[in-house]
């Protein structure tokens, strides 16, 4: 899959895994649409991409709202062109004991992660089908495979497990259009999102102590998996879950 005039759209691109993925794809020669709910972060990362010599735009999006997704993708097409790669990385995180979890909190988690992934994939799928080529990479979590590894994540686990199933279904339909769709299910990655979720440092220390590779993941660890999945080397890879997790789930 060549990079000439190809456009990569990265949601949640203003920080963490999204930012690392945007910068990695820019280094591979793609124009980058950095989409984030925080306009300052989106424009900052877009400027980093431009400083590296690639076309870019930073746009504000709320992935949970259909009109926001539709209008933002229209703006991407206008500024850079149709999407040929999508990295769906936007997300939220919090720890809430199951017996204290509210319907509003559960619904918000599902809306941002699962509905947001659906809406963005649907927009990108249309672009890719017209080009008879495309790569969709969704970001789930090892929590979708192991139930979260601890308390307080039932809503997050449900949302991320939904992303895994959705991505597999997209892979089935996308193949006839030259589209692959795969999920990355990271272990615990040191990002502003996770650090802001409210857990003490001791929580992370306990997880790291159990890992065969005893450290937190980095956004660049996940960006490397993204780079593989959009490359020609992964042309026969679709409907799969790749889980860089330091051995948290073997």
Protein backbone atom coordinates (compact mmCIF):
# COMPACT_ATOMS: atom_id res chain seq x y z
CA UNK A 1 0.00 0.00 0.00
CA UNK A 2 1.91 3.04 -1.26
CA UNK A 3 2.02 6.35 0.58
CA UNK A 4 1.76 8.77 -2.36
CA UNK A 5 -0.99 11.27 -1.46
CA UNK A 6 -2.38 8.83 1.09
CA UNK A 7 -4.19 10.26 4.10
CA UNK A 8 -4.14 8.78 7.59
CA UNK A 9 -6.85 9.85 10.00
CA UNK A 10 -6.01 9.44 13.69
CA UNK A 11 -8.70 9.99 16.32
CA UNK A 12 -7.54 10.82 19.80
CA UNK A 13 -4.47 12.07 17.97
CA UNK A 14 -3.69 14.87 20.38
CA UNK A 15 -1.93 12.75 22.99
CA UNK A 16 -0.78 9.30 24.02
CA UNK A 17 -1.19 6.44 21.58
CA UNK A 18 -2.91 8.64 19.02
CA UNK A 19 -0.11 11.20 18.96
CA UNK A 20 2.57 8.52 18.70
CA UNK A 21 0.67 6.84 15.87
CA UNK A 22 0.24 10.11 14.00
CA UNK A 23 3.94 10.88 14.21
CA UNK A 24 4.93 7.34 13.19
CA UNK A 25 2.62 7.42 10.16
CA UNK A 26 3.95 10.84 9.20
CA UNK A 27 7.47 9.39 9.25
CA UNK A 28 6.21 6.78 6.77
CA UNK A 29 5.12 9.50 4.34
CA UNK A 30 1.40 9.87 5.03
CA UNK A 31 -0.53 13.09 5.30
CA UNK A 32 -2.09 13.16 8.75
CA UNK A 33 -5.47 14.34 9.99
CA UNK A 34 -5.14 14.72 13.75
CA UNK A 35 -8.60 14.55 15.30
CA UNK A 36 -9.14 15.22 18.98
CA UNK A 37 -11.80 16.59 21.31
CA UNK A 38 -9.16 19.07 22.55
CA UNK A 39 -8.53 21.58 19.74
CA UNK A 40 -5.23 22.78 21.19
CA UNK A 41 -3.77 19.30 21.29
CA UNK A 42 -4.97 18.54 17.77
CA UNK A 43 -3.33 21.64 16.30
CA UNK A 44 -0.13 21.10 18.28
CA UNK A 45 0.38 17.57 16.96
CA UNK A 46 -0.57 18.67 13.43
CA UNK A 47 2.15 21.32 13.70
CA UNK A 48 4.64 18.63 14.74
CA UNK A 49 3.72 16.63 11.65
CA UNK A 50 4.09 19.69 9.42
CA UNK A 51 7.47 20.47 10.98
CA UNK A 52 8.53 16.97 9.94
CA UNK A 53 7.64 17.84 6.33
CA UNK A 54 4.24 16.19 5.90
CA UNK A 55 0.84 17.67 5.18
CA UNK A 56 -1.41 17.75 8.23
CA UNK A 57 -4.46 19.33 9.78
CA UNK A 58 -5.68 19.36 13.35
CA UNK A 59 -9.43 19.22 13.80
CA UNK A 60 -11.81 19.06 16.75
CA UNK A 61 -14.11 16.05 16.99
CA UNK A 62 -16.45 14.43 19.48
CA UNK A 63 -16.45 10.85 18.25
CA UNK A 64 -19.62 10.03 20.19
CA UNK A 65 -21.71 12.50 18.16
CA UNK A 66 -22.70 11.49 14.63
CA UNK A 67 -22.83 15.00 13.18
CA UNK A 68 -19.43 15.87 14.64
CA UNK A 69 -17.88 12.80 13.02
CA UNK A 70 -19.58 13.40 9.67
CA UNK A 71 -18.63 17.07 9.47
CA UNK A 72 -15.06 16.46 10.61
CA UNK A 73 -14.46 13.78 7.99
CA UNK A 74 -15.90 16.14 5.37
CA UNK A 75 -13.33 18.72 6.49
CA UNK A 76 -10.54 16.14 6.26
CA UNK A 77 -11.58 15.35 2.67
CA UNK A 78 -11.62 19.04 1.84
CA UNK A 79 -8.20 19.77 3.34
CA UNK A 80 -6.21 16.59 2.68
CA UNK A 81 -8.31 14.12 0.70
CA UNK A 82 -10.22 10.92 1.48
CA UNK A 83 -9.06 8.63 4.25
CA UNK A 84 -6.99 5.63 3.27
CA UNK A 85 -5.93 4.78 6.84
CA UNK A 86 -7.90 5.14 10.04
CA UNK A 87 -6.46 4.72 13.51
CA UNK A 88 -9.39 4.87 15.91
CA UNK A 89 -7.73 5.75 19.19
CA UNK A 90 -10.06 8.21 20.94
CA UNK A 91 -11.10 7.14 24.40
CA UNK A 92 -11.83 7.92 28.03
CA UNK A 93 -11.00 6.06 31.23
CA UNK A 94 -12.09 5.89 34.84
CA UNK A 95 -12.24 3.32 37.59
CA UNK A 96 -15.69 2.79 39.14
CA UNK A 97 -16.65 -0.20 41.32
CA UNK A 98 -19.32 -2.23 39.57
CA UNK A 99 -21.92 -1.82 42.31
CA UNK A 100 -21.45 1.96 42.15
CA UNK A 101 -21.50 2.25 38.37
CA UNK A 102 -24.27 4.48 37.02
CA UNK A 103 -26.18 4.04 33.79
CA UNK A 104 -24.90 7.44 32.67
CA UNK A 105 -21.30 6.42 33.33
CA UNK A 106 -21.72 3.11 31.54
CA UNK A 107 -23.44 4.75 28.55
CA UNK A 108 -20.76 7.42 28.25
CA UNK A 109 -18.01 4.81 28.13
CA UNK A 110 -19.86 2.85 25.44
CA UNK A 111 -20.61 6.04 23.49
CA UNK A 112 -17.03 7.27 23.28
CA UNK A 113 -15.32 3.93 22.70
CA UNK A 114 -17.77 1.73 20.83
CA UNK A 115 -20.16 4.15 19.15
CA UNK A 116 -17.24 6.45 18.37
CA UNK A 117 -15.30 3.64 16.74
CA UNK A 118 -18.38 2.65 14.73
CA UNK A 119 -19.03 6.20 13.50
CA UNK A 120 -15.42 6.85 12.49
CA UNK A 121 -14.99 3.45 10.85
CA UNK A 122 -18.20 3.96 8.87
CA UNK A 123 -16.96 7.28 7.49
CA UNK A 124 -13.53 5.90 6.65
CA UNK A 125 -15.00 2.72 5.14
CA UNK A 126 -16.89 4.81 2.57
CA UNK A 127 -13.68 6.57 1.50
CA UNK A 128 -11.71 3.35 1.36
CA UNK A 129 -14.33 1.41 -0.59
CA UNK A 130 -14.29 4.13 -3.24
CA UNK A 131 -10.49 3.73 -3.48
CA UNK A 132 -10.70 -0.10 -3.38
CA UNK A 133 -8.04 0.02 -0.68
CA UNK A 134 -7.71 0.88 2.98
CA UNK A 135 -6.45 0.01 6.43
CA UNK A 136 -8.54 0.31 9.59
CA UNK A 137 -6.79 -0.07 12.93
CA UNK A 138 -8.89 0.13 16.09
CA UNK A 139 -7.54 0.41 19.60
CA UNK A 140 -9.11 -1.96 22.11
CA UNK A 141 -7.39 -3.17 25.29
CA UNK A 142 -6.02 -6.32 26.85
CA UNK A 143 -8.89 -5.71 29.30
CA UNK A 144 -11.20 -7.00 26.56
CA UNK A 145 -9.32 -10.31 26.74
CA UNK A 146 -8.77 -10.73 30.48
CA UNK A 147 -11.78 -8.95 31.95
CA UNK A 148 -9.78 -5.94 33.05
CA UNK A 149 -7.30 -7.52 35.40
CA UNK A 150 -8.84 -5.72 38.39
CA UNK A 151 -11.96 -4.01 39.73
CA UNK A 152 -13.63 -0.88 38.43
CA UNK A 153 -13.45 -1.50 34.70
CA UNK A 154 -16.67 -3.31 33.75
CA UNK A 155 -17.86 -0.45 31.52
CA UNK A 156 -14.44 -0.12 29.90
CA UNK A 157 -14.15 -3.87 29.34
CA UNK A 158 -17.59 -3.98 27.71
CA UNK A 159 -16.73 -1.11 25.38
CA UNK A 160 -13.36 -2.53 24.39
CA UNK A 161 -14.74 -6.05 23.85
CA UNK A 162 -17.34 -4.48 21.58
CA UNK A 163 -14.58 -2.86 19.55
CA UNK A 164 -12.94 -6.25 19.03
CA UNK A 165 -16.17 -7.76 17.71
CA UNK A 166 -17.00 -4.73 15.58
CA UNK A 167 -13.57 -4.76 13.97
CA UNK A 168 -13.86 -8.44 13.08
CA UNK A 169 -17.24 -7.75 11.43
CA UNK A 170 -15.76 -4.85 9.47
CA UNK A 171 -12.96 -7.15 8.30
CA UNK A 172 -15.53 -9.58 6.86
CA UNK A 173 -17.29 -6.85 4.89
CA UNK A 174 -14.19 -4.89 3.99
CA UNK A 175 -12.27 -7.62 2.25
CA UNK A 176 -14.30 -7.36 -0.94
CA UNK A 177 -13.36 -3.67 -1.08
CA UNK A 178 -9.64 -4.12 -0.46
CA UNK A 179 -9.98 -2.99 3.16
CA UNK A 180 -8.31 -4.70 6.10
CA UNK A 181 -9.46 -4.12 9.68
CA UNK A 182 -7.51 -5.15 12.76
CA UNK A 183 -7.49 -4.40 16.46
CA UNK A 184 -4.61 -3.59 18.76
CA UNK A 185 -5.32 -4.57 22.36
CA UNK A 186 -2.58 -2.94 24.43
CA UNK A 187 -1.67 -3.76 27.96
CA UNK A 188 -1.17 -0.93 30.41
CA UNK A 189 0.41 1.97 28.52
CA UNK A 190 1.77 5.06 30.25
CA UNK A 191 -0.41 7.81 28.78
CA UNK A 192 -2.02 11.00 30.10
CA UNK A 193 -5.40 9.25 29.80
CA UNK A 194 -4.42 6.41 32.11
CA UNK A 195 -2.56 8.66 34.54
CA UNK A 196 -5.67 10.82 34.79
CA UNK A 197 -8.02 7.93 35.49
CA UNK A 198 -7.63 8.17 39.25
CA UNK A 199 -5.59 5.15 40.28
CA UNK A 200 -2.64 5.53 42.69
CA UNK A 201 0.90 4.76 41.56
CA UNK A 202 0.77 1.55 43.62
CA UNK A 203 -1.82 0.20 41.17
CA UNK A 204 0.65 0.48 38.29
CA UNK A 205 3.51 -0.86 40.41
CA UNK A 206 1.54 -4.04 41.18
CA UNK A 207 0.81 -4.64 37.51
CA UNK A 208 4.41 -4.07 36.42
CA UNK A 209 5.67 -6.46 39.10
CA UNK A 210 3.67 -9.30 37.51
CA UNK A 211 4.82 -8.70 33.94
CA UNK A 212 7.45 -10.85 32.19
CA UNK A 213 8.61 -7.58 30.61
CA UNK A 214 8.53 -5.49 33.80
CA UNK A 215 7.58 -2.03 32.63
CA UNK A 216 4.60 -0.06 31.46
CA UNK A 217 4.11 0.14 27.74
CA UNK A 218 4.86 3.34 25.89
CA UNK A 219 2.80 4.98 23.15
CA UNK A 220 5.64 4.19 20.75
CA UNK A 221 5.25 0.48 21.51
CA UNK A 222 1.72 0.67 20.17
CA UNK A 223 2.60 2.95 17.27
CA UNK A 224 4.98 0.25 16.07
CA UNK A 225 2.08 -2.20 15.85
CA UNK A 226 0.05 0.40 13.98
CA UNK A 227 2.88 0.87 11.50
CA UNK A 228 2.98 -2.86 10.84
CA UNK A 229 -0.77 -3.20 10.32
CA UNK A 230 -0.91 -0.42 7.73
CA UNK A 231 2.15 -1.68 5.86
CA UNK A 232 2.38 -3.92 2.82
CA UNK A 233 3.77 -6.62 5.14
CA UNK A 234 0.29 -6.89 6.68
CA UNK A 235 -1.63 -7.11 3.41
CA UNK A 236 -2.95 -10.59 4.33
CA UNK A 237 -3.71 -9.72 7.94
CA UNK A 238 -7.32 -8.84 8.73
CA UNK A 239 -9.80 -9.46 11.52
CA UNK A 240 -6.97 -10.07 13.98
CA UNK A 241 -6.20 -8.91 17.50
CA UNK A 242 -2.60 -7.95 18.21
CA UNK A 243 -1.88 -7.42 21.90
CA UNK A 244 1.40 -5.71 22.85
CA UNK A 245 1.13 -6.16 26.61
CA UNK A 246 4.49 -7.11 28.12
CA UNK A 247 3.15 -10.57 28.87
CA UNK A 248 0.09 -9.47 30.85
CA UNK A 249 -1.99 -11.85 28.72
CA UNK A 250 -0.25 -14.86 27.23
